[in-house]
C-alpha atoms as a PDB file:
ATOM      1  CA  MET A   1       0.000   0.000   0.000  1.00  0.00           C
ATOM      2  CA  ALA A   2       1.331   3.447  -0.951  1.00  0.00           C
ATOM      3  CA  SER A   3       2.114   5.733   1.992  1.00  0.00           C
ATOM      4  CA  TRP A   4      -0.268   8.452   0.823  1.00  0.00           C
ATOM      5  CA  VAL A   5      -3.151   5.917   0.905  1.00  0.00           C
ATOM      6  CA  PHE A   6      -2.290   5.009   4.519  1.00  0.00           C
ATOM      7  CA  TRP A   7      -2.305   8.655   5.625  1.00  0.00           C
ATOM      8  CA  LEU A   8      -5.551   9.307   3.748  1.00  0.00           C
ATOM      9  CA  LEU A   9      -7.279   6.421   5.532  1.00  0.00           C
ATOM     10  CA  LEU A  10      -5.910   7.574   8.891  1.00  0.00           C
ATOM     11  CA  ILE A  11      -7.234  11.103   8.332  1.00  0.00           C
ATOM     12  CA  ILE A  12     -10.661   9.710   7.357  1.00  0.00           C
ATOM     13  CA  ILE A  13     -10.775   7.519  10.517  1.00  0.00           C
ATOM     14  CA  VAL A  14      -9.835  10.452  12.760  1.00  0.00           C
ATOM     15  CA  PHE A  15     -12.425  12.629  11.037  1.00  0.00           C
ATOM     16  CA  LEU A  16     -15.145  10.013  11.593  1.00  0.00           C
ATOM     17  CA  VAL A  17     -14.226   9.640  15.279  1.00  0.00           C
ATOM     18  CA  VAL A  18     -14.408  13.423  15.741  1.00  0.00           C
ATOM     19  CA  VAL A  19     -17.828  13.527  14.032  1.00  0.00           C
ATOM     20  CA  ILE A  20     -19.155  10.714  16.244  1.00  0.00           C
ATOM     21  CA  LEU A  21     -17.857  12.365  19.399  1.00  0.00           C
ATOM     22  CA  THR A  22     -19.369  15.749  18.520  1.00  0.00           C
ATOM     23  CA  ARG A  23     -22.763  14.247  17.736  1.00  0.00           C
ATOM     24  CA  ASP A  24     -23.003  11.764  20.695  1.00  0.00           C
ATOM     25  CA  LYS A  25     -23.132  13.676  24.013  1.00  0.00           C
ATOM     26  CA  ASN A  26     -23.031  10.563  26.237  1.00  0.00           C
ATOM     27  CA  LEU A  27     -20.022   9.237  24.402  1.00  0.00           C
ATOM     28  CA  ARG A  28     -18.280  12.584  24.779  1.00  0.00           C
ATOM     29  CA  GLU A  29     -18.912  12.534  28.515  1.00  0.00           C
ATOM     30  CA  ALA A  30     -17.676   8.944  28.829  1.00  0.00           C
ATOM     31  CA  VAL A  31     -14.448   9.763  26.995  1.00  0.00           C
ATOM     32  CA  LYS A  32     -13.980  12.911  29.096  1.00  0.00           C
ATOM     33  CA  ASN A  33     -14.465  10.971  32.356  1.00  0.00           C
ATOM     34  CA  LEU A  34     -12.044   8.311  31.174  1.00  0.00           C
ATOM     35  CA  PHE A  35      -9.327  10.885  30.553  1.00  0.00           C
ATOM     36  CA  LEU A  36     -10.023  12.531  33.942  1.00  0.00           C
ATOM     37  CA  ARG A  37      -9.673   9.201  35.763  1.00  0.00           C
ATOM     38  CA  VAL A  38      -6.438   8.451  33.946  1.00  0.00           C
ATOM     39  CA  LYS A  39      -5.035  11.881  34.832  1.00  0.00           C
ATOM     40  CA  LYS A  40      -6.104  11.403  38.468  1.00  0.00           C
ATOM     41  CA  LYS A  41      -4.391   8.001  38.677  1.00  0.00           C
ATOM     42  CA  ILE A  42      -1.216   9.527  37.239  1.00  0.00           C
ATOM     43  CA  ARG A  43      -1.296  12.322  39.839  1.00  0.00           C
ATOM     44  CA  VAL A  44      -1.884   9.804  42.655  1.00  0.00           C
ATOM     45  CA  ALA A  45       0.974   7.621  41.417  1.00  0.00           C
ATOM     46  CA  ARG A  46       3.294  10.640  41.416  1.00  0.00           C
ATOM     47  CA  ILE A  47       2.289  11.560  44.972  1.00  0.00           C
ATOM     48  CA  LYS A  48       2.832   7.953  46.128  1.00  0.00           C
ATOM     49  CA  SER A  49       6.289   8.040  44.585  1.00  0.00           C
ATOM     50  CA  LYS A  50       7.048  11.220  46.561  1.00  0.00           C
ATOM     51  CA  ILE A  51       5.746   9.596  49.751  1.00  0.00           C
ATOM     52  CA  ASN A  52       8.077   6.630  49.226  1.00  0.00           C
ATOM     53  CA  LYS A  53      11.048   8.984  48.823  1.00  0.00           C
ATOM     54  CA  GLU A  54      10.084  10.968  51.923  1.00  0.00           C
ATOM     55  CA  ASN A  55       9.639   7.734  53.896  1.00  0.00           C
ATOM     56  CA  GLU A  56      13.182   6.746  52.891  1.00  0.00           C
ATOM     57  CA  LYS A  57      14.396  10.086  54.223  1.00  0.00           C
ATOM     58  CA  LYS A  58      12.476   9.470  57.457  1.00  0.00           C
ATOM     59  CA  ILE A  59      14.047   6.007  57.827  1.00  0.00           C
ATOM     60  CA  GLU A  60      17.475   7.572  57.362  1.00  0.00           C
ATOM     61  CA  LEU A  61      16.660  10.125  60.080  1.00  0.00           C
ATOM     62  CA  LEU A  62      15.484   7.367  62.449  1.00  0.00           C
ATOM     63  CA  ARG A  63      18.704   5.472  61.731  1.00  0.00           C
ATOM     64  CA  ASN A  64      20.715   8.615  62.490  1.00  0.00           C
ATOM     65  CA  LEU A  65      18.725   9.082  65.688  1.00  0.00           C
ATOM     66  CA  GLY A  66      19.440   5.515  66.812  1.00  0.00           C
ATOM     67  CA  GLU A  67      23.138   5.800  65.962  1.00  0.00           C
ATOM     68  CA  GLU A  68      23.515   9.170  67.671  1.00  0.00           C
ATOM     69  CA  THR A  69      21.706   7.814  70.744  1.00  0.00           C
ATOM     70  CA  TYR A  70      24.105   4.866  70.899  1.00  0.00           C
ATOM     71  CA  ARG A  71      27.186   6.980  70.185  1.00  0.00           C
ATOM     72  CA  LYS A  72      26.328   9.534  72.880  1.00  0.00           C
ATOM     73  CA  GLY A  73      25.631   6.764  75.396  1.00  0.00           C
ATOM     74  CA  VAL A  74      22.102   7.994  76.093  1.00  0.00           C
ATOM     75  CA  ASP A  75      20.333   5.755  78.627  1.00  0.00           C
ATOM     76  CA  VAL A  76      17.614   3.835  76.727  1.00  0.00           C
ATOM     77  CA  GLY A  77      16.557   0.880  78.843  1.00  0.00           C
ATOM     78  CA  PHE A  78      13.637   0.148  76.535  1.00  0.00           C
ATOM     79  CA  ALA A  79      16.110  -0.718  73.744  1.00  0.00           C
ATOM     80  CA  ILE A  80      18.617  -2.704  75.777  1.00  0.00           C
ATOM     81  CA  GLU A  81      18.294  -5.786  73.541  1.00  0.00           C
ATOM     82  CA  GLU A  82      19.171  -3.757  70.442  1.00  0.00           C
ATOM     83  CA  THR A  83      22.059  -1.899  72.104  1.00  0.00           C
ATOM     84  CA  ASP A  84      23.564  -5.178  73.334  1.00  0.00           C
ATOM     85  CA  LYS A  85      23.484  -6.514  69.762  1.00  0.00           C
ATOM     86  CA  VAL A  86      25.049  -3.278  68.518  1.00  0.00           C
ATOM     87  CA  ASP A  87      27.896  -3.749  71.031  1.00  0.00           C
ATOM     88  CA  SER A  88      28.548  -7.235  69.702  1.00  0.00           C
ATOM     89  CA  LEU A  89      28.302  -6.307  66.016  1.00  0.00           C
ATOM     90  CA  ALA A  90      30.367  -3.146  66.451  1.00  0.00           C
ATOM     91  CA  ALA A  91      33.137  -5.168  68.127  1.00  0.00           C
ATOM     92  CA  GLU A  92      33.072  -7.699  65.295  1.00  0.00           C
ATOM     93  CA  LYS A  93      33.105  -4.913  62.696  1.00  0.00           C
ATOM     94  CA  LYS A  94      36.091  -3.286  64.430  1.00  0.00           C
ATOM     95  CA  SER A  95      37.880  -6.642  64.442  1.00  0.00           C
ATOM     96  CA  ALA A  96      37.059  -7.130  60.753  1.00  0.00           C
ATOM     97  CA  ALA A  97      38.403  -3.661  59.939  1.00  0.00           C
ATOM     98  CA  ALA A  98      41.648  -4.415  61.780  1.00  0.00           C
ATOM     99  CA  GLU A  99      41.983  -7.736  59.962  1.00  0.00           C
ATOM    100  CA  ILE A 100      41.313  -6.046  56.598  1.00  0.00           C
ATOM    101  CA  GLU A 101      44.005  -3.479  57.366  1.00  0.00           C
ATOM    102  CA  LYS A 102      46.422  -6.260  58.282  1.00  0.00           C
ATOM    103  CA  LEU A 103      45.615  -8.178  55.095  1.00  0.00           C
ATOM    104  CA  ASN A 104      46.074  -5.014  53.023  1.00  0.00           C
ATOM    105  CA  GLY A 105      49.486  -4.615  54.645  1.00  0.00           C
ATOM    106  CA  GLU A 106      50.401  -8.212  53.752  1.00  0.00           C
ATOM    107  CA  ILE A 107      49.250  -7.681  50.160  1.00  0.00           C
ATOM    108  CA  GLU A 108      51.256  -4.473  49.894  1.00  0.00           C
ATOM    109  CA  THR A 109      54.372  -6.060  51.430  1.00  0.00           C
ATOM    110  CA  HIS A 110      54.281  -9.120  49.165  1.00  0.00           C
ATOM    111  CA  THR A 111      53.491  -7.019  46.107  1.00  0.00           C
ATOM    112  CA  LYS A 112      56.514  -4.809  46.818  1.00  0.00           C
ATOM    113  CA  SER A 113      58.666  -7.872  47.471  1.00  0.00           C
ATOM    114  CA  ARG A 114      57.590  -9.421  44.154  1.00  0.00           C
ATOM    115  CA  ASP A 115      58.149  -6.173  42.235  1.00  0.00           C
ATOM    116  CA  ASP A 116      61.584  -5.641  43.831  1.00  0.00           C
ATOM    117  CA  PHE A 117      62.611  -9.192  42.978  1.00  0.00           C
ATOM    118  CA  SER A 118      61.332  -8.808  39.402  1.00  0.00           C
ATOM    119  CA  LYS A 119      63.299  -5.569  38.957  1.00  0.00           C
ATOM    120  CA  LYS A 120      66.428  -7.213  40.350  1.00  0.00           C
ATOM    121  CA  GLN A 121      66.033 -10.187  37.999  1.00  0.00           C
ATOM    122  CA  GLU A 122      65.369  -7.902  35.039  1.00  0.00           C
ATOM    123  CA  ALA A 123      68.572  -5.997  35.814  1.00  0.00           C
ATOM    124  CA  LEU A 124      70.555  -9.255  35.987  1.00  0.00           C
ATOM    125  CA  ILE A 125      68.983 -10.485  32.750  1.00  0.00           C
ATOM    126  CA  LYS A 126      69.788  -7.210  31.030  1.00  0.00           C
ATOM    127  CA  GLU A 127      73.391  -7.403  32.276  1.00  0.00           C
ATOM    128  CA  GLN A 128      73.790 -10.940  30.891  1.00  0.00           C
ATOM    129  CA  GLU A 129      72.134  -9.963  27.598  1.00  0.00           C
ATOM    130  CA  GLU A 130      74.542  -7.051  27.217  1.00  0.00           C
ATOM    131  CA  LYS A 131      77.464  -9.451  27.680  1.00  0.00           C
ATOM    132  CA  LEU A 132      75.927 -11.989  25.315  1.00  0.00           C
ATOM    133  CA  ALA A 133      75.189  -9.564  22.465  1.00  0.00           C
ATOM    134  CA  PRO A 134      78.825  -8.941  21.348  1.00  0.00           C
ATOM    135  CA  LEU A 135      79.628 -12.648  21.626  1.00  0.00           C
ATOM    136  CA  GLU A 136      76.662 -13.528  19.404  1.00  0.00           C
ATOM    137  CA  LYS A 137      77.760 -10.873  16.940  1.00  0.00           C
ATOM    138  CA  GLU A 138      81.339 -12.222  16.933  1.00  0.00           C
ATOM    139  CA  LEU A 139      80.093 -15.811  16.591  1.00  0.00           C
ATOM    140  CA  SER A 140      77.913 -14.791  13.653  1.00  0.00           C
ATOM    141  CA  ARG A 141      80.909 -13.103  12.027  1.00  0.00           C
ATOM    142  CA  VAL A 142      83.325 -16.045  12.430  1.00  0.00           C
ATOM    143  CA  LYS A 143      80.676 -18.524  11.289  1.00  0.00           C
ATOM    144  CA  LYS A 144      80.122 -16.491   8.134  1.00  0.00           C
ATOM    145  CA  GLU A 145      83.860 -16.272   7.663  1.00  0.00           C
ATOM    146  CA  LEU A 146      84.128 -20.058   8.074  1.00  0.00           C
ATOM    147  CA  HIS A 147      81.229 -20.581   5.669  1.00  0.00           C
ATOM    148  CA  ASP A 148      82.865 -18.371   3.043  1.00  0.00           C
ATOM    149  CA  TRP A 149      86.202 -20.150   3.617  1.00  0.00           C
ATOM    150  CA  GLU A 150      84.574 -23.579   3.206  1.00  0.00           C
ATOM    151  CA  LYS A 151      82.831 -22.374   0.073  1.00  0.00           C
ATOM    152  CA  ASP A 152      86.167 -21.264  -1.429  1.00  0.00           C
ATOM    153  CA  LEU A 153      87.769 -24.566  -0.369  1.00  0.00           C
ATOM    154  CA  ASN A 154      85.015 -26.577  -2.055  1.00  0.00           C
ATOM    155  CA  GLU A 155      85.347 -24.547  -5.216  1.00  0.00           C
ATOM    156  CA  LYS A 156      89.113 -25.153  -5.293  1.00  0.00           C
ATOM    157  CA  GLU A 157      88.637 -28.885  -4.668  1.00  0.00           C
ATOM    158  CA  LYS A 158      86.086 -29.035  -7.463  1.00  0.00           C
ATOM    159  CA  LEU A 159      88.471 -27.178  -9.756  1.00  0.00           C
ATOM    160  CA  LYS A 160      91.293 -29.597  -8.902  1.00  0.00           C
ATOM    161  CA  THR A 161      89.014 -32.558  -9.588  1.00  0.00           C
ATOM    162  CA  LYS A 162      87.963 -31.024 -12.880  1.00  0.00           C
ATOM    163  CA  ILE A 163      91.601 -30.476 -13.933  1.00  0.00           C
ATOM    164  CA  GLU A 164      92.537 -34.025 -12.957  1.00  0.00           C
ATOM    165  CA  LYS A 165      89.668 -35.371 -15.055  1.00  0.00           C
ATOM    166  CA  LYS A 166      90.914 -33.333 -17.997  1.00  0.00           C
ATOM    167  CA  ILE A 167      94.467 -34.637 -17.486  1.00  0.00           C
ATOM    168  CA  ALA A 168      93.179 -38.225 -17.332  1.00  0.00           C
ATOM    169  CA  ALA A 169      91.184 -37.632 -20.495  1.00  0.00           C
ATOM    170  CA  LYS A 170      94.239 -36.250 -22.308  1.00  0.00           C
ATOM    171  CA  ARG A 171      96.368 -39.243 -21.267  1.00  0.00           C
ATOM    172  CA  GLN A 172      93.627 -41.511 -22.528  1.00  0.00           C
ATOM    173  CA  LYS A 173      93.795 -39.522 -25.731  1.00  0.00           C
ATOM    174  CA  ILE A 174      97.541 -40.274 -26.030  1.00  0.00           C
ATOM    175  CA  GLU A 175      96.861 -44.030 -25.727  1.00  0.00           C
ATOM    176  CA  GLU A 176      94.153 -43.820 -28.343  1.00  0.00           C
ATOM    177  CA  ASN A 177      96.491 -41.807 -30.564  1.00  0.00           C
ATOM    178  CA  GLU A 178      99.179 -44.508 -30.317  1.00  0.00           C
ATOM    179  CA  LYS A 179      96.711 -47.258 -31.172  1.00  0.00           C
ATOM    180  CA  ASP A 180      95.213 -45.432 -34.160  1.00  0.00           C
ATOM    181  CA  ALA A 181      96.365 -47.467 -37.236  1.00  0.00           C
ATOM    182  CA  ASP A 182      95.142 -44.810 -39.625  1.00  0.00           C
ATOM    183  CA  LEU A 183      97.728 -42.292 -38.424  1.00  0.00           C
ATOM    184  CA  SER A 184     101.321 -42.192 -39.633  1.00  0.00           C
ATOM    185  CA  LYS A 185     104.234 -42.199 -37.224  1.00  0.00           C
ATOM    186  CA  ILE A 186     104.829 -38.500 -37.831  1.00  0.00           C
ATOM    187  CA  GLU A 187     101.136 -37.652 -37.212  1.00  0.00           C
ATOM    188  CA  LYS A 188     101.152 -39.658 -34.040  1.00  0.00           C
ATOM    189  CA  GLN A 189     104.275 -37.811 -32.881  1.00  0.00           C
ATOM    190  CA  GLN A 190     102.727 -34.422 -33.606  1.00  0.00           C
ATOM    191  CA  ASN A 191      99.476 -35.314 -31.827  1.00  0.00           C
ATOM    192  CA  ARG A 192     101.332 -36.675 -28.793  1.00  0.00           C
ATOM    193  CA  GLU A 193     103.468 -33.559 -28.459  1.00  0.00           C
ATOM    194  CA  GLU A 194     100.404 -31.326 -28.687  1.00  0.00           C
ATOM    195  CA  ILE A 195      98.511 -33.354 -26.095  1.00  0.00           C
ATOM    196  CA  GLU A 196     101.500 -33.514 -23.728  1.00  0.00           C
ATOM    197  CA  LYS A 197     101.824 -29.760 -23.977  1.00  0.00           C
ATOM    198  CA  THR A 198      98.189 -29.394 -22.899  1.00  0.00           C
ATOM    199  CA  ILE A 199      98.775 -31.873 -20.075  1.00  0.00           C
ATOM    200  CA  LYS A 200     101.714 -29.830 -18.809  1.00  0.00           C
ATOM    201  CA  GLU A 201      99.544 -26.694 -18.806  1.00  0.00           C
ATOM    202  CA  LEU A 202      96.843 -28.542 -16.926  1.00  0.00           C
ATOM    203  CA  GLU A 203      99.360 -29.940 -14.434  1.00  0.00           C
ATOM    204  CA  SER A 204     100.695 -26.416 -13.895  1.00  0.00           C
ATOM    205  CA  SER A 205      97.167 -25.201 -13.170  1.00  0.00           C
ATOM    206  CA  ARG A 206      96.640 -28.148 -10.838  1.00  0.00           C
ATOM    207  CA  ALA A 207      99.819 -27.286  -8.989  1.00  0.00           C
ATOM    208  CA  GLN A 208      98.630 -23.721  -8.474  1.00  0.00           C
ATOM    209  CA  VAL A 209      95.285 -24.985  -7.192  1.00  0.00           C
ATOM    210  CA  GLN A 210      97.080 -27.422  -4.903  1.00  0.00           C
ATOM    211  CA  GLN A 211      99.155 -24.611  -3.479  1.00  0.00           C
ATOM    212  CA  GLY A 212      95.923 -22.816  -2.637  1.00  0.00           C
ATOM    213  CA  LEU A 213      94.533 -25.993  -1.043  1.00  0.00           C
ATOM    214  CA  ASP A 214      97.704 -26.407   0.989  1.00  0.00           C
ATOM    215  CA  SER A 215      97.280 -22.819   2.182  1.00  0.00           C
ATOM    216  CA  PHE A 216      93.652 -23.584   3.128  1.00  0.00           C
ATOM    217  CA  SER A 217      94.767 -26.669   5.015  1.00  0.00           C
ATOM    218  CA  ARG A 218      97.136 -24.549   7.092  1.00  0.00           C
ATOM    219  CA  GLU A 219      94.306 -22.061   7.827  1.00  0.00           C
ATOM    220  CA  GLN A 220      91.719 -24.726   8.633  1.00  0.00           C
ATOM    221  CA  PRO A 221      92.529 -25.302  12.329  1.00  0.00           C
ATOM    222  CA  GLY A 222      92.231 -21.583  13.093  1.00  0.00           C
ATOM    223  CA  LYS A 223      89.028 -21.177  11.107  1.00  0.00           C
ATOM    224  CA  VAL A 224      87.321 -24.104  12.823  1.00  0.00           C
ATOM    225  CA  LYS A 225      88.709 -23.229  16.248  1.00  0.00           C
ATOM    226  CA  LYS A 226      87.188 -19.735  16.486  1.00  0.00           C
ATOM    227  CA  PRO A 227      83.492 -20.777  16.519  1.00  0.00           C
ATOM    228  CA  GLY A 228      84.358 -23.623  18.868  1.00  0.00           C
ATOM    229  CA  GLU A 229      85.880 -21.171  21.318  1.00  0.00           C
ATOM    230  CA  ILE A 230      82.940 -18.741  21.234  1.00  0.00           C
ATOM    231  CA  GLU A 231      79.977 -21.149  21.149  1.00  0.00           C
ATOM    232  CA  PRO A 232      80.438 -22.517  24.725  1.00  0.00           C
ATOM    233  CA  ARG A 233      80.524 -18.963  26.090  1.00  0.00           C
ATOM    234  CA  VAL A 234      77.377 -18.061  24.126  1.00  0.00           C
ATOM    235  CA  ARG A 235      75.610 -21.164  25.468  1.00  0.00           C
ATOM    236  CA  GLU A 236      76.730 -20.319  28.993  1.00  0.00           C
ATOM    237  CA  PHE A 237      75.233 -16.810  28.866  1.00  0.00           C
ATOM    238  CA  ALA A 238      72.061 -18.065  27.116  1.00  0.00           C
ATOM    239  CA  GLU A 239      71.539 -20.750  29.788  1.00  0.00           C
ATOM    240  CA  ARG A 240      72.172 -18.206  32.542  1.00  0.00           C
ATOM    241  CA  ILE A 241      69.593 -15.830  31.024  1.00  0.00           C
ATOM    242  CA  LYS A 242      67.099 -18.676  30.665  1.00  0.00           C
ATOM    243  CA  ALA A 243      67.623 -19.690  34.306  1.00  0.00           C
ATOM    244  CA  LEU A 244      67.149 -16.097  35.508  1.00  0.00           C
ATOM    245  CA  LYS A 245      63.910 -15.768  33.517  1.00  0.00           C
ATOM    246  CA  GLU A 246      62.575 -19.079  34.846  1.00  0.00           C
ATOM    247  CA  GLU A 247      63.517 -18.070  38.388  1.00  0.00           C
ATOM    248  CA  LYS A 248      61.748 -14.733  37.930  1.00  0.00           C
ATOM    249  CA  LYS A 249      58.613 -16.412  36.556  1.00  0.00           C
ATOM    250  CA  ALA A 250      58.541 -19.048  39.313  1.00  0.00           C
ATOM    251  CA  GLU A 251      58.976 -16.484  42.099  1.00  0.00           C
ATOM    252  CA  GLU A 252      56.315 -14.190  40.637  1.00  0.00           C
ATOM    253  CA  LYS A 253      53.898 -17.132  40.435  1.00  0.00           C
ATOM    254  CA  ARG A 254      54.663 -18.180  44.018  1.00  0.00           C
ATOM    255  CA  VAL A 255      54.140 -14.678  45.422  1.00  0.00           C
ATOM    256  CA  ASP A 256      51.050 -14.072  43.272  1.00  0.00           C
ATOM    257  CA  GLU A 257      49.472 -17.203  44.758  1.00  0.00           C
ATOM    258  CA  ILE A 258      50.208 -15.898  48.267  1.00  0.00           C
ATOM    259  CA  ILE A 259      48.748 -12.494  47.358  1.00  0.00           C
ATOM    260  CA  ALA A 260      45.662 -14.175  45.868  1.00  0.00           C
ATOM    261  CA  GLY A 261      45.140 -15.991  49.177  1.00  0.00           C
ATOM    262  CA  PHE A 262      45.353 -12.728  51.144  1.00  0.00           C
ATOM    263  CA  ARG A 263      42.982 -11.025  48.703  1.00  0.00           C
ATOM    264  CA  SER A 264      40.467 -13.833  49.016  1.00  0.00           C
ATOM    265  CA  LYS A 265      40.543 -13.529  52.822  1.00  0.00           C
ATOM    266  CA  ARG A 266      40.249  -9.739  52.579  1.00  0.00           C
ATOM    267  CA  ASN A 267      37.267  -9.977  50.215  1.00  0.00           C
ATOM    268  CA  HIS A 268      35.496 -12.297  52.658  1.00  0.00           C
ATOM    269  CA  ARG A 269      36.148  -9.889  55.520  1.00  0.00           C
ATOM    270  CA  VAL A 270      34.989  -6.918  53.422  1.00  0.00           C
ATOM    271  CA  ALA A 271      31.794  -8.803  52.554  1.00  0.00           C
ATOM    272  CA  ARG A 272      31.267  -9.621  56.238  1.00  0.00           C
ATOM    273  CA  GLN A 273      31.971  -5.995  57.171  1.00  0.00           C
ATOM    274  CA  SER A 274      29.315  -4.868  54.684  1.00  0.00           C
ATOM    275  CA  GLN A 275      26.830  -7.377  56.120  1.00  0.00           C
ATOM    276  CA  LEU A 276      27.611  -6.183  59.647  1.00  0.00           C
ATOM    277  CA  GLN A 277      26.960  -2.585  58.583  1.00  0.00           C
ATOM    278  CA  LYS A 278      23.550  -3.584  57.189  1.00  0.00           C
ATOM    279  CA  GLU A 279      22.710  -5.335  60.465  1.00  0.00           C
ATOM    280  CA  LEU A 280      23.892  -2.296  62.451  1.00  0.00           C
ATOM    281  CA  ASP A 281      21.798   0.040  60.273  1.00  0.00           C
ATOM    282  CA  SER A 282      18.743  -2.149  60.947  1.00  0.00           C
ATOM    283  CA  LEU A 283      19.420  -2.088  64.700  1.00  0.00           C
ATOM    284  CA  PHE A 284      19.995   1.703  64.701  1.00  0.00           C
ATOM    285  CA  GLU A 285      16.684   2.107  62.868  1.00  0.00           C
ATOM    286  CA  LYS A 286      14.903   0.037  65.520  1.00  0.00           C
ATOM    287  CA  ILE A 287      16.586   2.009  68.320  1.00  0.00           C
ATOM    288  CA  GLY A 288      15.670   5.245  66.539  1.00  0.00           C
ATOM    289  CA  GLU A 289      12.021   4.196  66.263  1.00  0.00           C
ATOM    290  CA  LYS A 290      11.859   3.449  69.997  1.00  0.00           C
ATOM    291  CA  VAL A 291      13.701   6.624  70.982  1.00  0.00           C
ATOM    292  CA  ASN A 292      11.475   8.710  68.694  1.00  0.00           C
ATOM    293  CA  LYS A 293       8.360   7.088  70.174  1.00  0.00           C
ATOM    294  CA  ASN A 294       9.505   7.669  73.759  1.00  0.00           C
ATOM    295  CA  ARG A 295      11.125  11.028  72.966  1.00  0.00           C
ATOM    296  CA  VAL A 296      13.991  10.731  75.407  1.00  0.00           C
ATOM    297  CA  GLU A 297      14.983  14.226  76.469  1.00  0.00           C
ATOM    298  CA  ASN A 298      18.501  15.029  75.265  1.00  0.00           C
ATOM    299  CA  SER A 299      19.851  18.215  73.755  1.00  0.00           C
ATOM    300  CA  ASP A 300      21.997  16.258  71.259  1.00  0.00           C
ATOM    301  CA  LEU A 301      18.888  14.529  69.879  1.00  0.00           C
ATOM    302  CA  ALA A 302      16.590  17.566  69.717  1.00  0.00           C
ATOM    303  CA  ALA A 303      17.664  18.615  66.227  1.00  0.00           C
ATOM    304  CA  ILE A 304      16.968  15.120  64.822  1.00  0.00           C
ATOM    305  CA  TYR A 305      13.543  15.080  66.532  1.00  0.00           C
ATOM    306  CA  ALA A 306      12.731  18.336  64.736  1.00  0.00           C
ATOM    307  CA  GLN A 307      13.801  16.892  61.382  1.00  0.00           C
ATOM    308  CA  ILE A 308      11.678  13.774  61.931  1.00  0.00           C
ATOM    309  CA  ASP A 309       8.650  15.915  62.880  1.00  0.00           C
ATOM    310  CA  ASN A 310       9.128  17.972  59.744  1.00  0.00           C
ATOM    311  CA  GLN A 311       9.392  14.792  57.681  1.00  0.00           C
ATOM    312  CA  ASN A 312       6.183  13.423  59.252  1.00  0.00           C
ATOM    313  CA  LYS A 313       4.381  16.630  58.300  1.00  0.00           C
ATOM    314  CA  ILE A 314       5.598  16.377  54.686  1.00  0.00           C
ATOM    315  CA  ILE A 315       4.371  12.765  54.476  1.00  0.00           C
ATOM    316  CA  GLU A 316       1.047  13.697  56.149  1.00  0.00           C
ATOM    317  CA  ASP A 317       0.474  16.525  53.646  1.00  0.00           C
ATOM    318  CA  LEU A 318       1.177  14.185  50.720  1.00  0.00           C
ATOM    319  CA  GLU A 319      -1.230  11.585  52.112  1.00  0.00           C
ATOM    320  CA  LYS A 320      -3.897  14.318  52.401  1.00  0.00           C
ATOM    321  CA  GLN A 321      -3.316  15.147  48.740  1.00  0.00           C
ATOM    322  CA  ILE A 322      -4.014  11.537  47.824  1.00  0.00           C
ATOM    323  CA  LYS A 323      -7.173  11.554  49.945  1.00  0.00           C
ATOM    324  CA  THR A 324      -8.331  14.752  48.257  1.00  0.00           C
ATOM    325  CA  GLU A 325      -7.674  13.302  44.795  1.00  0.00           C
ATOM    326  CA  ARG A 326      -9.720  10.203  45.603  1.00  0.00           C
ATOM    327  CA  GLN A 327     -12.615  12.266  46.930  1.00  0.00           C
ATOM    328  CA  VAL A 328     -12.874  14.541  43.863  1.00  0.00           C
ATOM    329  CA  ASP A 329     -15.448  12.358  42.116  1.00  0.00           C
ATOM    330  CA  GLY A 330     -16.473  10.313  45.166  1.00  0.00           C
ATOM    331  CA  THR A 331     -15.072   7.090  43.720  1.00  0.00           C
ATOM    332  CA  GLY A 332     -12.303   6.626  46.279  1.00  0.00           C
ATOM    333  CA  GLY A 333     -10.330   4.865  43.520  1.00  0.00           C
END
């Protein structure tokens, strides 16, 4: 359905309702009374909400009255049962507060101990890492140097092998040359001389390569020795760092478990302290109700009496407003 059709139908319905209401007097009155009752109920609900808030203020005043009576040591024999309970609960609350303070001290002490130990371990770890870093750098350098040296050695050995294969091939060529029946004696001589010349050149190259290999052989002990000298020291520092880290982690875990135990105990005492306060508030309220009823004469309590009287008047006025609202149309609803 198009939106304009919806709005058109809505306007028509509203128009028809207005026409019916204007033409039917009884219906108009019924609708009017309905709206009046709804408005009245809303006003009554608002007043009740105010009464509830004022009653809460009155309860707070009664609680203050009971607490002030107890704190000032005013003689109230009619509330001896409540005051005896207050004595007991107050003593327990004081004990709980002292225990909480002690537990907080334990938590703080162990937390500081853990943090101090962690800082000490971190300093030791950093010191070992600073000593390890140059060794690792040197080890990396000599290993690369050894790798490059071994690479050059392999290349020279491969070159020597290659030359020796060529020499062997040339000597094989000489044997084949000598056995070739198609060649004359002079041709064989010429071929042999040419091949032998090549062999000499190859042997000269092999000799040069061998000299290089001999030089490498003399260097080998030193090249291999360097990493072997550094690696144990690197392992030593690495193991020391690992041990320090594990020690730090283990100690932190141990102390954290102790702290968790203290926190659990503290939380239980805090919860009990909160419960004790609720029980004390209830007892102070009861004492306050009795003191207010008996109106014990005491200059320290006079101001609270006046506040309670004022609060009672506010509540009474609000209750009268509700009564007036309910009597407007005689329904009492």
